[in-house]
Amino acid sequence: MDIVAKLENYRLEKRVTQEALADKLGVAFSTVNRWFNRKSSPNKIQTHHIKKLLKIK
């Protein structure tokens, strides 16, 4: 499972909106939306923050 799929599972399990998730990660809502629609991928820094949020090494 890739990092975006894990992030989507986290979002659904915690009942967090894409907007709230974007705030937690310090990115725009549209950025998170593009990740989930597979139009873009998180960059290296964003991936680091996602892993921190998900507590992945």
C-alpha atoms as a PDB file:
ATOM      1  CA  MET A   1       0.000   0.000   0.000  1.00  0.00           C
ATOM      2  CA  ASP A   2       1.456   3.364  -0.950  1.00  0.00           C
ATOM      3  CA  ILE A   3       1.680   6.399   1.322  1.00  0.00           C
ATOM      4  CA  VAL A   4      -1.357   8.145  -0.220  1.00  0.00           C
ATOM      5  CA  ALA A   5      -3.533   5.064   0.286  1.00  0.00           C
ATOM      6  CA  LYS A   6      -2.386   4.865   3.912  1.00  0.00           C
ATOM      7  CA  LEU A   7      -3.168   8.551   4.342  1.00  0.00           C
ATOM      8  CA  GLU A   8      -6.645   8.047   2.879  1.00  0.00           C
ATOM      9  CA  ASN A   9      -7.268   5.131   5.268  1.00  0.00           C
ATOM     10  CA  TYR A  10      -6.128   7.300   8.182  1.00  0.00           C
ATOM     11  CA  ARG A  11      -8.439  10.096   7.055  1.00  0.00           C
ATOM     12  CA  LEU A  12     -11.431   7.778   6.802  1.00  0.00           C
ATOM     13  CA  GLU A  13     -10.756   5.967  10.095  1.00  0.00           C
ATOM     14  CA  LYS A  14     -10.283   9.219  12.020  1.00  0.00           C
ATOM     15  CA  ARG A  15     -13.188  10.902  10.191  1.00  0.00           C
ATOM     16  CA  VAL A  16     -11.031  13.847   9.166  1.00  0.00           C
ATOM     17  CA  THR A  17     -11.981  16.000   6.198  1.00  0.00           C
ATOM     18  CA  GLN A  18      -9.502  16.615   3.413  1.00  0.00           C
ATOM     19  CA  GLU A  19      -9.436  20.261   4.476  1.00  0.00           C
ATOM     20  CA  ALA A  20      -8.582  19.406   8.099  1.00  0.00           C
ATOM     21  CA  LEU A  21      -5.950  16.943   6.915  1.00  0.00           C
ATOM     22  CA  ALA A  22      -4.414  19.629   4.712  1.00  0.00           C
ATOM     23  CA  ASP A  23      -4.234  21.956   7.731  1.00  0.00           C
ATOM     24  CA  LYS A  24      -2.505  19.255   9.805  1.00  0.00           C
ATOM     25  CA  LEU A  25       0.064  18.709   7.053  1.00  0.00           C
ATOM     26  CA  GLY A  26       0.561  22.395   6.293  1.00  0.00           C
ATOM     27  CA  VAL A  27      -0.549  22.166   2.675  1.00  0.00           C
ATOM     28  CA  ALA A  28      -3.514  23.461   0.703  1.00  0.00           C
ATOM     29  CA  PHE A  29      -6.760  21.501   0.427  1.00  0.00           C
ATOM     30  CA  SER A  30      -6.242  21.310  -3.334  1.00  0.00           C
ATOM     31  CA  THR A  31      -2.879  19.604  -2.788  1.00  0.00           C
ATOM     32  CA  VAL A  32      -4.429  16.846  -0.677  1.00  0.00           C
ATOM     33  CA  ASN A  33      -7.275  16.531  -3.163  1.00  0.00           C
ATOM     34  CA  ARG A  34      -4.794  16.057  -6.057  1.00  0.00           C
ATOM     35  CA  TRP A  35      -3.001  13.314  -4.097  1.00  0.00           C
ATOM     36  CA  PHE A  36      -6.232  11.414  -3.518  1.00  0.00           C
ATOM     37  CA  ASN A  37      -7.288  11.836  -7.151  1.00  0.00           C
ATOM     38  CA  ARG A  38      -3.837  10.615  -8.260  1.00  0.00           C
ATOM     39  CA  LYS A  39      -3.123  13.792 -10.211  1.00  0.00           C
ATOM     40  CA  SER A  40       0.068  14.379  -8.191  1.00  0.00           C
ATOM     41  CA  SER A  41       2.164  12.810  -5.454  1.00  0.00           C
ATOM     42  CA  PRO A  42       3.591  14.206  -2.234  1.00  0.00           C
ATOM     43  CA  ASN A  43       7.129  15.535  -2.536  1.00  0.00           C
ATOM     44  CA  LYS A  44       9.944  14.440  -0.220  1.00  0.00           C
ATOM     45  CA  ILE A  45       9.169  16.979   2.531  1.00  0.00           C
ATOM     46  CA  GLN A  46       5.426  16.305   2.366  1.00  0.00           C
ATOM     47  CA  THR A  47       6.088  12.560   2.533  1.00  0.00           C
ATOM     48  CA  HIS A  48       8.178  13.105   5.670  1.00  0.00           C
ATOM     49  CA  HIS A  49       5.292  14.975   7.347  1.00  0.00           C
ATOM     50  CA  ILE A  50       2.765  12.335   6.264  1.00  0.00           C
ATOM     51  CA  LYS A  51       4.940   9.590   7.747  1.00  0.00           C
ATOM     52  CA  LYS A  52       5.233  11.577  10.970  1.00  0.00           C
ATOM     53  CA  LEU A  53       1.445  11.954  11.140  1.00  0.00           C
ATOM     54  CA  LEU A  54       0.908   8.257  10.449  1.00  0.00           C
ATOM     55  CA  LYS A  55       3.794   7.276  12.770  1.00  0.00           C
ATOM     56  CA  ILE A  56       5.575   5.363  10.000  1.00  0.00           C
ATOM     57  CA  LYS A  57       9.370   5.078   9.847  1.00  0.00           C
END
